[in-house]
């Protein structure tokens, strides 16, 4: 095994610092990113993207989690706006909010 060459120039030169621009979308990106920052929520989003609508019980059947845990994840996703829920009698039908999903994709791509 050979040693790698030592750097002759530091990766961050103090003389080249630029001010961080203000970003009005940072809060929105952080909120949406936090909503999918858990593997279970990513899985729920993927499940809902694969269907036009989904009843909570169907989501629970697809997840290796307790119903109360799935409900908590759905609550977080709803609060972020990525998921919408419609009450249908004793059930709640969940679906992806395509506008919010498009916004998330655009914000991530702009990083």
PDB file of N, CA and C in Angstrom:
ATOM      1  N   UNK A   1       0.843  -1.173   0.000  1.00  0.00           N
ATOM      2  CA  UNK A   1       0.000   0.000   0.000  1.00  0.00           C
ATOM      3  C   UNK A   1       0.892   1.240   0.000  1.00  0.00           C
ATOM      4  N   UNK A   2       0.622   2.200  -0.875  1.00  0.00           N
ATOM      5  CA  UNK A   2       1.428   3.406  -0.938  1.00  0.00           C
ATOM      6  C   UNK A   2       0.728   4.536  -0.223  1.00  0.00           C
ATOM      7  N   UNK A   3       1.549   5.415   0.322  1.00  0.00           N
ATOM      8  CA  UNK A   3       0.980   6.581   0.999  1.00  0.00           C
ATOM      9  C   UNK A   3       0.503   7.584  -0.033  1.00  0.00           C
ATOM     10  N   UNK A   4      -0.612   8.220   0.243  1.00  0.00           N
ATOM     11  CA  UNK A   4      -1.089   9.256  -0.667  1.00  0.00           C
ATOM     12  C   UNK A   4      -0.305  10.531  -0.415  1.00  0.00           C
ATOM     13  N   UNK A   5      -0.190  11.346  -1.444  1.00  0.00           N
ATOM     14  CA  UNK A   5       0.547  12.603  -1.330  1.00  0.00           C
ATOM     15  C   UNK A   5      -0.180  13.542  -0.370  1.00  0.00           C
ATOM     16  N   UNK A   6       0.606  14.252   0.407  1.00  0.00           N
ATOM     17  CA  UNK A   6       0.028  15.249   1.304  1.00  0.00           C
ATOM     18  C   UNK A   6      -0.441  16.430   0.466  1.00  0.00           C
ATOM     19  N   UNK A   7      -1.499  17.054   0.881  1.00  0.00           N
ATOM     20  CA  UNK A   7      -2.012  18.221   0.163  1.00  0.00           C
ATOM     21  C   UNK A   7      -1.035  19.379   0.315  1.00  0.00           C
ATOM     22  N   UNK A   8      -0.808  20.050  -0.780  1.00  0.00           N
ATOM     23  CA  UNK A   8       0.071  21.212  -0.732  1.00  0.00           C
ATOM     24  C   UNK A   8      -0.722  22.483  -0.507  1.00  0.00           C
ATOM     25  N   UNK A   9      -2.013  22.439  -0.773  1.00  0.00           N
ATOM     26  CA  UNK A   9      -2.873  23.604  -0.601  1.00  0.00           C
ATOM     27  C   UNK A   9      -4.099  23.180   0.198  1.00  0.00           C
ATOM     28  N   UNK A  10      -4.456  23.923   1.235  1.00  0.00           N
ATOM     29  CA  UNK A  10      -5.650  23.543   2.004  1.00  0.00           C
ATOM     30  C   UNK A  10      -6.898  23.639   1.129  1.00  0.00           C
ATOM     31  N   UNK A  11      -7.880  22.781   1.434  1.00  0.00           N
ATOM     32  CA  UNK A  11      -9.100  22.767   0.620  1.00  0.00           C
ATOM     33  C   UNK A  11      -9.930  24.032   0.804  1.00  0.00           C
ATOM     34  N   UNK A  12      -9.804  24.671   1.935  1.00  0.00           N
ATOM     35  CA  UNK A  12     -10.571  25.893   2.205  1.00  0.00           C
ATOM     36  C   UNK A  12      -9.607  27.035   2.460  1.00  0.00           C
ATOM     37  N   UNK A  13      -9.487  27.899   1.520  1.00  0.00           N
ATOM     38  CA  UNK A  13      -8.584  29.045   1.635  1.00  0.00           C
ATOM     39  C   UNK A  13      -9.353  30.203   2.266  1.00  0.00           C
ATOM     40  N   UNK A  14      -8.887  30.692   3.427  1.00  0.00           N
ATOM     41  CA  UNK A  14      -9.578  31.763   4.146  1.00  0.00           C
ATOM     42  C   UNK A  14      -9.737  33.044   3.331  1.00  0.00           C
ATOM     43  N   UNK A  15      -8.869  33.257   2.383  1.00  0.00           N
ATOM     44  CA  UNK A  15      -8.949  34.500   1.616  1.00  0.00           C
ATOM     45  C   UNK A  15     -10.060  34.464   0.570  1.00  0.00           C
ATOM     46  N   UNK A  16     -10.642  33.301   0.330  1.00  0.00           N
ATOM     47  CA  UNK A  16     -11.669  33.174  -0.697  1.00  0.00           C
ATOM     48  C   UNK A  16     -13.067  33.016  -0.126  1.00  0.00           C
ATOM     49  N   UNK A  17     -13.288  33.410   1.089  1.00  0.00           N
ATOM     50  CA  UNK A  17     -14.609  33.272   1.701  1.00  0.00           C
ATOM     51  C   UNK A  17     -15.612  34.208   1.062  1.00  0.00           C
ATOM     52  N   UNK A  18     -16.757  33.656   0.740  1.00  0.00           N
ATOM     53  CA  UNK A  18     -17.843  34.443   0.181  1.00  0.00           C
ATOM     54  C   UNK A  18     -18.996  34.458   1.175  1.00  0.00           C
ATOM     55  N   UNK A  19     -19.746  35.541   1.235  1.00  0.00           N
ATOM     56  CA  UNK A  19     -20.886  35.567   2.161  1.00  0.00           C
ATOM     57  C   UNK A  19     -21.953  34.575   1.728  1.00  0.00           C
ATOM     58  N   UNK A  20     -22.598  33.971   2.694  1.00  0.00           N
ATOM     59  CA  UNK A  20     -23.685  33.038   2.409  1.00  0.00           C
ATOM     60  C   UNK A  20     -24.913  33.848   2.007  1.00  0.00           C
ATOM     61  N   UNK A  21     -25.434  33.601   0.823  1.00  0.00           N
ATOM     62  CA  UNK A  21     -26.603  34.383   0.394  1.00  0.00           C
ATOM     63  C   UNK A  21     -27.832  34.005   1.213  1.00  0.00           C
ATOM     64  N   UNK A  22     -28.734  34.966   1.374  1.00  0.00           N
ATOM     65  CA  UNK A  22     -29.984  34.647   2.068  1.00  0.00           C
ATOM     66  C   UNK A  22     -30.810  33.761   1.153  1.00  0.00           C
ATOM     67  N   UNK A  23     -31.563  32.883   1.743  1.00  0.00           N
ATOM     68  CA  UNK A  23     -32.335  31.931   0.954  1.00  0.00           C
ATOM     69  C   UNK A  23     -33.723  31.794   1.564  1.00  0.00           C
ATOM     70  N   UNK A  24     -34.687  32.356   0.899  1.00  0.00           N
ATOM     71  CA  UNK A  24     -36.061  32.332   1.397  1.00  0.00           C
ATOM     72  C   UNK A  24     -36.647  30.926   1.399  1.00  0.00           C
ATOM     73  N   UNK A  25     -36.069  30.000   0.643  1.00  0.00           N
ATOM     74  CA  UNK A  25     -36.612  28.652   0.558  1.00  0.00           C
ATOM     75  C   UNK A  25     -36.002  27.701   1.585  1.00  0.00           C
ATOM     76  N   UNK A  26     -35.030  28.161   2.352  1.00  0.00           N
ATOM     77  CA  UNK A  26     -34.343  27.278   3.302  1.00  0.00           C
ATOM     78  C   UNK A  26     -35.304  26.670   4.321  1.00  0.00           C
ATOM     79  N   UNK A  27     -36.203  27.461   4.861  1.00  0.00           N
ATOM     80  CA  UNK A  27     -37.168  26.951   5.841  1.00  0.00           C
ATOM     81  C   UNK A  27     -38.081  25.898   5.227  1.00  0.00           C
ATOM     82  N   UNK A  28     -38.538  26.179   4.021  1.00  0.00           N
ATOM     83  CA  UNK A  28     -39.441  25.245   3.347  1.00  0.00           C
ATOM     84  C   UNK A  28     -38.728  23.928   3.037  1.00  0.00           C
ATOM     85  N   UNK A  29     -37.507  24.027   2.543  1.00  0.00           N
ATOM     86  CA  UNK A  29     -36.732  22.821   2.256  1.00  0.00           C
ATOM     87  C   UNK A  29     -36.469  22.033   3.533  1.00  0.00           C
ATOM     88  N   UNK A  30     -36.100  22.711   4.590  1.00  0.00           N
ATOM     89  CA  UNK A  30     -35.824  22.033   5.856  1.00  0.00           C
ATOM     90  C   UNK A  30     -37.067  21.307   6.370  1.00  0.00           C
ATOM     91  N   UNK A  31     -38.224  21.935   6.265  1.00  0.00           N
ATOM     92  CA  UNK A  31     -39.470  21.321   6.724  1.00  0.00           C
ATOM     93  C   UNK A  31     -39.817  20.074   5.910  1.00  0.00           C
ATOM     94  N   UNK A  32     -39.715  20.182   4.600  1.00  0.00           N
ATOM     95  CA  UNK A  32     -40.032  19.041   3.739  1.00  0.00           C
ATOM     96  C   UNK A  32     -38.997  17.928   3.892  1.00  0.00           C
ATOM     97  N   UNK A  33     -37.737  18.313   4.016  1.00  0.00           N
ATOM     98  CA  UNK A  33     -36.682  17.303   4.174  1.00  0.00           C
ATOM     99  C   UNK A  33     -36.845  16.575   5.510  1.00  0.00           C
ATOM    100  N   UNK A  34     -37.206  17.300   6.559  1.00  0.00           N
ATOM    101  CA  UNK A  34     -37.408  16.668   7.852  1.00  0.00           C
ATOM    102  C   UNK A  34     -38.564  15.660   7.779  1.00  0.00           C
ATOM    103  N   UNK A  35     -39.563  15.996   6.995  1.00  0.00           N
ATOM    104  CA  UNK A  35     -40.732  15.108   6.877  1.00  0.00           C
ATOM    105  C   UNK A  35     -40.347  13.755   6.296  1.00  0.00           C
ATOM    106  N   UNK A  36     -39.345  13.698   5.455  1.00  0.00           N
ATOM    107  CA  UNK A  36     -38.931  12.422   4.868  1.00  0.00           C
ATOM    108  C   UNK A  36     -37.598  11.942   5.448  1.00  0.00           C
ATOM    109  N   UNK A  37     -37.233  12.477   6.601  1.00  0.00           N
ATOM    110  CA  UNK A  37     -35.945  12.136   7.217  1.00  0.00           C
ATOM    111  C   UNK A  37     -35.982  10.833   8.005  1.00  0.00           C
ATOM    112  N   UNK A  38     -37.044  10.090   7.902  1.00  0.00           N
ATOM    113  CA  UNK A  38     -37.148   8.803   8.594  1.00  0.00           C
ATOM    114  C   UNK A  38     -37.477   7.733   7.553  1.00  0.00           C
ATOM    115  N   UNK A  39     -36.803   6.594   7.605  1.00  0.00           N
ATOM    116  CA  UNK A  39     -37.053   5.544   6.606  1.00  0.00           C
ATOM    117  C   UNK A  39     -38.518   5.119   6.500  1.00  0.00           C
ATOM    118  N   UNK A  40     -39.233   5.103   7.601  1.00  0.00           N
ATOM    119  CA  UNK A  40     -40.651   4.717   7.551  1.00  0.00           C
ATOM    120  C   UNK A  40     -41.457   5.738   6.759  1.00  0.00           C
ATOM    121  N   UNK A  41     -41.134   7.017   6.921  1.00  0.00           N
ATOM    122  CA  UNK A  41     -41.872   8.043   6.183  1.00  0.00           C
ATOM    123  C   UNK A  41     -41.522   8.004   4.698  1.00  0.00           C
ATOM    124  N   UNK A  42     -40.271   7.705   4.376  1.00  0.00           N
ATOM    125  CA  UNK A  42     -39.900   7.537   2.968  1.00  0.00           C
ATOM    126  C   UNK A  42     -40.694   6.385   2.370  1.00  0.00           C
ATOM    127  N   UNK A  43     -40.795   5.308   3.112  1.00  0.00           N
ATOM    128  CA  UNK A  43     -41.542   4.136   2.633  1.00  0.00           C
ATOM    129  C   UNK A  43     -43.025   4.461   2.444  1.00  0.00           C
ATOM    130  N   UNK A  44     -43.594   5.222   3.359  1.00  0.00           N
ATOM    131  CA  UNK A  44     -45.003   5.624   3.234  1.00  0.00           C
ATOM    132  C   UNK A  44     -45.188   6.496   1.997  1.00  0.00           C
ATOM    133  N   UNK A  45     -44.286   7.442   1.788  1.00  0.00           N
ATOM    134  CA  UNK A  45     -44.383   8.314   0.610  1.00  0.00           C
ATOM    135  C   UNK A  45     -44.298   7.474  -0.663  1.00  0.00           C
ATOM    136  N   UNK A  46     -43.365   6.547  -0.708  1.00  0.00           N
ATOM    137  CA  UNK A  46     -43.242   5.681  -1.891  1.00  0.00           C
ATOM    138  C   UNK A  46     -44.500   4.846  -2.100  1.00  0.00           C
ATOM    139  N   UNK A  47     -45.067   4.342  -1.021  1.00  0.00           N
ATOM    140  CA  UNK A  47     -46.294   3.556  -1.112  1.00  0.00           C
ATOM    141  C   UNK A  47     -47.433   4.402  -1.672  1.00  0.00           C
ATOM    142  N   UNK A  48     -47.585   5.611  -1.151  1.00  0.00           N
ATOM    143  CA  UNK A  48     -48.659   6.488  -1.612  1.00  0.00           C
ATOM    144  C   UNK A  48     -48.432   6.940  -3.057  1.00  0.00           C
ATOM    145  N   UNK A  49     -47.179   7.101  -3.447  1.00  0.00           N
ATOM    146  CA  UNK A  49     -46.889   7.480  -4.830  1.00  0.00           C
ATOM    147  C   UNK A  49     -47.280   6.369  -5.805  1.00  0.00           C
ATOM    148  N   UNK A  50     -47.277   5.139  -5.315  1.00  0.00           N
ATOM    149  CA  UNK A  50     -47.601   4.011  -6.194  1.00  0.00           C
ATOM    150  C   UNK A  50     -49.104   3.784  -6.331  1.00  0.00           C
ATOM    151  N   UNK A  51     -49.888   4.554  -5.595  1.00  0.00           N
ATOM    152  CA  UNK A  51     -51.352   4.409  -5.630  1.00  0.00           C
ATOM    153  C   UNK A  51     -51.993   5.778  -5.765  1.00  0.00           C
ATOM    154  N   UNK A  52     -53.231   5.781  -6.213  1.00  0.00           N
ATOM    155  CA  UNK A  52     -53.938   7.056  -6.326  1.00  0.00           C
ATOM    156  C   UNK A  52     -54.475   7.506  -4.968  1.00  0.00           C
ATOM    157  N   UNK A  53     -54.773   6.555  -4.082  1.00  0.00           N
ATOM    158  CA  UNK A  53     -55.240   6.848  -2.733  1.00  0.00           C
ATOM    159  C   UNK A  53     -54.996   5.608  -1.888  1.00  0.00           C
ATOM    160  N   UNK A  54     -54.988   5.776  -0.600  1.00  0.00           N
ATOM    161  CA  UNK A  54     -54.686   4.650   0.283  1.00  0.00           C
ATOM    162  C   UNK A  54     -55.385   4.854   1.616  1.00  0.00           C
ATOM    163  N   UNK A  55     -56.003   3.835   2.118  1.00  0.00           N
ATOM    164  CA  UNK A  55     -56.650   3.892   3.426  1.00  0.00           C
ATOM    165  C   UNK A  55     -55.607   3.569   4.488  1.00  0.00           C
ATOM    166  N   UNK A  56     -55.704   4.175   5.644  1.00  0.00           N
ATOM    167  CA  UNK A  56     -54.712   3.992   6.703  1.00  0.00           C
ATOM    168  C   UNK A  56     -54.454   2.517   7.004  1.00  0.00           C
ATOM    169  N   UNK A  57     -55.476   1.723   7.053  1.00  0.00           N
ATOM    170  CA  UNK A  57     -55.313   0.297   7.343  1.00  0.00           C
ATOM    171  C   UNK A  57     -54.429  -0.398   6.323  1.00  0.00           C
ATOM    172  N   UNK A  58     -54.537   0.003   5.067  1.00  0.00           N
ATOM    173  CA  UNK A  58     -53.696  -0.581   4.019  1.00  0.00           C
ATOM    174  C   UNK A  58     -52.238  -0.194   4.223  1.00  0.00           C
ATOM    175  N   UNK A  59     -52.010   1.015   4.664  1.00  0.00           N
ATOM    176  CA  UNK A  59     -50.642   1.464   4.921  1.00  0.00           C
ATOM    177  C   UNK A  59     -50.059   0.652   6.066  1.00  0.00           C
ATOM    178  N   UNK A  60     -50.816   0.464   7.119  1.00  0.00           N
ATOM    179  CA  UNK A  60     -50.354  -0.300   8.278  1.00  0.00           C
ATOM    180  C   UNK A  60     -50.012  -1.732   7.861  1.00  0.00           C
ATOM    181  N   UNK A  61     -50.819  -2.329   6.986  1.00  0.00           N
ATOM    182  CA  UNK A  61     -50.551  -3.695   6.522  1.00  0.00           C
ATOM    183  C   UNK A  61     -49.228  -3.805   5.776  1.00  0.00           C
ATOM    184  N   UNK A  62     -48.813  -2.721   5.133  1.00  0.00           N
ATOM    185  CA  UNK A  62     -47.572  -2.715   4.350  1.00  0.00           C
ATOM    186  C   UNK A  62     -46.340  -2.389   5.187  1.00  0.00           C
ATOM    187  N   UNK A  63     -46.546  -1.925   6.390  1.00  0.00           N
ATOM    188  CA  UNK A  63     -45.431  -1.463   7.229  1.00  0.00           C
ATOM    189  C   UNK A  63     -45.183  -2.447   8.381  1.00  0.00           C
ATOM    190  N   UNK A  64     -43.924  -2.637   8.747  1.00  0.00           N
ATOM    191  CA  UNK A  64     -43.616  -3.506   9.879  1.00  0.00           C
ATOM    192  C   UNK A  64     -43.677  -2.741  11.210  1.00  0.00           C
ATOM    193  N   UNK A  65     -44.681  -1.869  11.325  1.00  0.00           N
ATOM    194  CA  UNK A  65     -44.808  -1.012  12.504  1.00  0.00           C
ATOM    195  C   UNK A  65     -46.215  -1.098  13.074  1.00  0.00           C
ATOM    196  N   UNK A  66     -46.340  -0.707  14.323  1.00  0.00           N
ATOM    197  CA  UNK A  66     -47.652  -0.661  14.966  1.00  0.00           C
ATOM    198  C   UNK A  66     -48.503   0.433  14.320  1.00  0.00           C
ATOM    199  N   UNK A  67     -49.815   0.269  14.401  1.00  0.00           N
ATOM    200  CA  UNK A  67     -50.744   1.236  13.810  1.00  0.00           C
ATOM    201  C   UNK A  67     -50.509   2.630  14.377  1.00  0.00           C
ATOM    202  N   UNK A  68     -50.264   2.729  15.678  1.00  0.00           N
ATOM    203  CA  UNK A  68     -50.060   4.045  16.298  1.00  0.00           C
ATOM    204  C   UNK A  68     -48.785   4.718  15.771  1.00  0.00           C
ATOM    205  N   UNK A  69     -47.762   3.927  15.493  1.00  0.00           N
ATOM    206  CA  UNK A  69     -46.511   4.475  14.962  1.00  0.00           C
ATOM    207  C   UNK A  69     -46.718   4.968  13.537  1.00  0.00           C
ATOM    208  N   UNK A  70     -47.427   4.187  12.735  1.00  0.00           N
ATOM    209  CA  UNK A  70     -47.738   4.597  11.359  1.00  0.00           C
ATOM    210  C   UNK A  70     -48.559   5.885  11.383  1.00  0.00           C
ATOM    211  N   UNK A  71     -49.519   5.961  12.285  1.00  0.00           N
ATOM    212  CA  UNK A  71     -50.348   7.165  12.405  1.00  0.00           C
ATOM    213  C   UNK A  71     -49.504   8.381  12.752  1.00  0.00           C
ATOM    214  N   UNK A  72     -48.526   8.218  13.621  1.00  0.00           N
ATOM    215  CA  UNK A  72     -47.635   9.329  13.985  1.00  0.00           C
ATOM    216  C   UNK A  72     -46.821   9.782  12.769  1.00  0.00           C
ATOM    217  N   UNK A  73     -46.312   8.833  11.992  1.00  0.00           N
ATOM    218  CA  UNK A  73     -45.565   9.188  10.783  1.00  0.00           C
ATOM    219  C   UNK A  73     -46.467   9.894   9.773  1.00  0.00           C
ATOM    220  N   UNK A  74     -47.698   9.416   9.625  1.00  0.00           N
ATOM    221  CA  UNK A  74     -48.645  10.068   8.718  1.00  0.00           C
ATOM    222  C   UNK A  74     -48.961  11.483   9.179  1.00  0.00           C
ATOM    223  N   UNK A  75     -49.054  11.683  10.467  1.00  0.00           N
ATOM    224  CA  UNK A  75     -49.310  13.022  11.017  1.00  0.00           C
ATOM    225  C   UNK A  75     -48.187  13.976  10.619  1.00  0.00           C
ATOM    226  N   UNK A  76     -46.951  13.537  10.748  1.00  0.00           N
ATOM    227  CA  UNK A  76     -45.794  14.367  10.384  1.00  0.00           C
ATOM    228  C   UNK A  76     -45.813  14.680   8.893  1.00  0.00           C
ATOM    229  N   UNK A  77     -46.114  13.686   8.084  1.00  0.00           N
ATOM    230  CA  UNK A  77     -46.176  13.892   6.640  1.00  0.00           C
ATOM    231  C   UNK A  77     -47.308  14.852   6.263  1.00  0.00           C
ATOM    232  N   UNK A  78     -48.442  14.757   6.967  1.00  0.00           N
ATOM    233  CA  UNK A  78     -49.560  15.673   6.716  1.00  0.00           C
ATOM    234  C   UNK A  78     -49.195  17.097   7.124  1.00  0.00           C
ATOM    235  N   UNK A  79     -48.538  17.242   8.269  1.00  0.00           N
ATOM    236  CA  UNK A  79     -48.150  18.576   8.737  1.00  0.00           C
ATOM    237  C   UNK A  79     -47.197  19.259   7.758  1.00  0.00           C
ATOM    238  N   UNK A  80     -46.368  18.474   7.087  1.00  0.00           N
ATOM    239  CA  UNK A  80     -45.431  19.041   6.116  1.00  0.00           C
ATOM    240  C   UNK A  80     -46.124  19.426   4.815  1.00  0.00           C
ATOM    241  N   UNK A  81     -47.299  18.845   4.574  1.00  0.00           N
ATOM    242  CA  UNK A  81     -48.022  19.100   3.344  1.00  0.00           C
ATOM    243  C   UNK A  81     -47.755  18.084   2.252  1.00  0.00           C
ATOM    244  N   UNK A  82     -46.818  17.156   2.466  1.00  0.00           N
ATOM    245  CA  UNK A  82     -46.512  16.143   1.454  1.00  0.00           C
ATOM    246  C   UNK A  82     -47.650  15.148   1.266  1.00  0.00           C
ATOM    247  N   UNK A  83     -48.399  14.926   2.333  1.00  0.00           N
ATOM    248  CA  UNK A  83     -49.501  13.969   2.310  1.00  0.00           C
ATOM    249  C   UNK A  83     -50.775  14.690   2.715  1.00  0.00           C
ATOM    250  N   UNK A  84     -51.853  14.329   2.045  1.00  0.00           N
ATOM    251  CA  UNK A  84     -53.167  14.860   2.386  1.00  0.00           C
ATOM    252  C   UNK A  84     -54.024  13.715   2.893  1.00  0.00           C
ATOM    253  N   UNK A  85     -54.918  14.026   3.813  1.00  0.00           N
ATOM    254  CA  UNK A  85     -55.814  13.012   4.352  1.00  0.00           C
ATOM    255  C   UNK A  85     -57.244  13.487   4.289  1.00  0.00           C
ATOM    256  N   UNK A  86     -58.130  12.594   3.865  1.00  0.00           N
ATOM    257  CA  UNK A  86     -59.548  12.920   3.763  1.00  0.00           C
ATOM    258  C   UNK A  86     -60.332  11.925   4.593  1.00  0.00           C
ATOM    259  N   UNK A  87     -61.166  12.430   5.496  1.00  0.00           N
ATOM    260  CA  UNK A  87     -61.973  11.567   6.349  1.00  0.00           C
ATOM    261  C   UNK A  87     -63.113  10.988   5.521  1.00  0.00           C
ATOM    262  N   UNK A  88     -63.245   9.665   5.599  1.00  0.00           N
ATOM    263  CA  UNK A  88     -64.306   8.944   4.888  1.00  0.00           C
ATOM    264  C   UNK A  88     -64.979   8.026   5.901  1.00  0.00           C
ATOM    265  N   UNK A  89     -65.920   8.596   6.670  1.00  0.00           N
ATOM    266  CA  UNK A  89     -66.559   7.837   7.742  1.00  0.00           C
ATOM    267  C   UNK A  89     -65.535   7.539   8.826  1.00  0.00           C
ATOM    268  N   UNK A  90     -65.378   6.269   9.213  1.00  0.00           N
ATOM    269  CA  UNK A  90     -64.423   5.931  10.259  1.00  0.00           C
ATOM    270  C   UNK A  90     -62.982   5.817   9.728  1.00  0.00           C
ATOM    271  N   UNK A  91     -62.812   5.928   8.408  1.00  0.00           N
ATOM    272  CA  UNK A  91     -61.482   5.777   7.807  1.00  0.00           C
ATOM    273  C   UNK A  91     -60.938   7.130   7.366  1.00  0.00           C
ATOM    274  N   UNK A  92     -59.629   7.164   7.201  1.00  0.00           N
ATOM    275  CA  UNK A  92     -58.980   8.331   6.613  1.00  0.00           C
ATOM    276  C   UNK A  92     -58.247   7.850   5.372  1.00  0.00           C
ATOM    277  N   UNK A  93     -58.529   8.492   4.253  1.00  0.00           N
ATOM    278  CA  UNK A  93     -57.891   8.139   2.990  1.00  0.00           C
ATOM    279  C   UNK A  93     -56.732   9.101   2.763  1.00  0.00           C
ATOM    280  N   UNK A  94     -55.532   8.564   2.572  1.00  0.00           N
ATOM    281  CA  UNK A  94     -54.333   9.373   2.393  1.00  0.00           C
ATOM    282  C   UNK A  94     -53.862   9.328   0.954  1.00  0.00           C
ATOM    283  N   UNK A  95     -53.300  10.448   0.499  1.00  0.00           N
ATOM    284  CA  UNK A  95     -52.698  10.505  -0.823  1.00  0.00           C
ATOM    285  C   UNK A  95     -51.563  11.525  -0.814  1.00  0.00           C
ATOM    286  N   UNK A  96     -50.718  11.430  -1.827  1.00  0.00           N
ATOM    287  CA  UNK A  96     -49.611  12.367  -1.990  1.00  0.00           C
ATOM    288  C   UNK A  96     -50.153  13.691  -2.498  1.00  0.00           C
ATOM    289  N   UNK A  97     -49.604  14.775  -1.992  1.00  0.00           N
ATOM    290  CA  UNK A  97     -49.896  16.101  -2.520  1.00  0.00           C
ATOM    291  C   UNK A  97     -48.884  16.344  -3.638  1.00  0.00           C
ATOM    292  N   UNK A  98     -49.298  16.219  -4.907  1.00  0.00           N
ATOM    293  CA  UNK A  98     -48.337  16.323  -6.009  1.00  0.00           C
ATOM    294  C   UNK A  98     -47.632  17.677  -6.082  1.00  0.00           C
ATOM    295  N   UNK A  99     -48.300  18.739  -5.670  1.00  0.00           N
ATOM    296  CA  UNK A  99     -47.687  20.065  -5.683  1.00  0.00           C
ATOM    297  C   UNK A  99     -46.534  20.133  -4.682  1.00  0.00           C
ATOM    298  N   UNK A 100     -46.751  19.616  -3.477  1.00  0.00           N
ATOM    299  CA  UNK A 100     -45.703  19.621  -2.456  1.00  0.00           C
ATOM    300  C   UNK A 100     -44.551  18.699  -2.851  1.00  0.00           C
ATOM    301  N   UNK A 101     -44.850  17.565  -3.452  1.00  0.00           N
ATOM    302  CA  UNK A 101     -43.801  16.646  -3.887  1.00  0.00           C
ATOM    303  C   UNK A 101     -42.950  17.288  -4.973  1.00  0.00           C
ATOM    304  N   UNK A 102     -43.590  17.971  -5.905  1.00  0.00           N
ATOM    305  CA  UNK A 102     -42.860  18.674  -6.968  1.00  0.00           C
ATOM    306  C   UNK A 102     -41.967  19.752  -6.364  1.00  0.00           C
ATOM    307  N   UNK A 103     -42.487  20.465  -5.374  1.00  0.00           N
ATOM    308  CA  UNK A 103     -41.718  21.522  -4.703  1.00  0.00           C
ATOM    309  C   UNK A 103     -40.499  20.930  -4.003  1.00  0.00           C
ATOM    310  N   UNK A 104     -40.685  19.798  -3.308  1.00  0.00           N
ATOM    311  CA  UNK A 104     -39.576  19.147  -2.636  1.00  0.00           C
ATOM    312  C   UNK A 104     -38.484  18.754  -3.637  1.00  0.00           C
ATOM    313  N   UNK A 105     -38.897  18.161  -4.741  1.00  0.00           N
ATOM    314  CA  UNK A 105     -37.934  17.762  -5.769  1.00  0.00           C
ATOM    315  C   UNK A 105     -37.172  18.962  -6.302  1.00  0.00           C
ATOM    316  N   UNK A 106     -37.865  20.049  -6.529  1.00  0.00           N
ATOM    317  CA  UNK A 106     -37.238  21.274  -7.051  1.00  0.00           C
ATOM    318  C   UNK A 106     -36.255  21.857  -6.029  1.00  0.00           C
ATOM    319  N   UNK A 107     -36.648  21.888  -4.773  1.00  0.00           N
ATOM    320  CA  UNK A 107     -35.777  22.443  -3.731  1.00  0.00           C
ATOM    321  C   UNK A 107     -34.522  21.601  -3.545  1.00  0.00           C
ATOM    322  N   UNK A 108     -34.681  20.273  -3.552  1.00  0.00           N
ATOM    323  CA  UNK A 108     -33.514  19.396  -3.406  1.00  0.00           C
ATOM    324  C   UNK A 108     -32.585  19.566  -4.604  1.00  0.00           C
ATOM    325  N   UNK A 109     -33.146  19.662  -5.790  1.00  0.00           N
ATOM    326  CA  UNK A 109     -32.329  19.826  -6.996  1.00  0.00           C
ATOM    327  C   UNK A 109     -31.561  21.158  -6.995  1.00  0.00           C
ATOM    328  N   UNK A 110     -32.070  22.144  -6.262  1.00  0.00           N
ATOM    329  CA  UNK A 110     -31.425  23.457  -6.257  1.00  0.00           C
ATOM    330  C   UNK A 110     -30.266  23.573  -5.260  1.00  0.00           C
ATOM    331  N   UNK A 111     -30.035  22.522  -4.493  1.00  0.00           N
ATOM    332  CA  UNK A 111     -28.960  22.589  -3.488  1.00  0.00           C
ATOM    333  C   UNK A 111     -27.613  22.678  -4.163  1.00  0.00           C
TER     334      UNK A 111
END
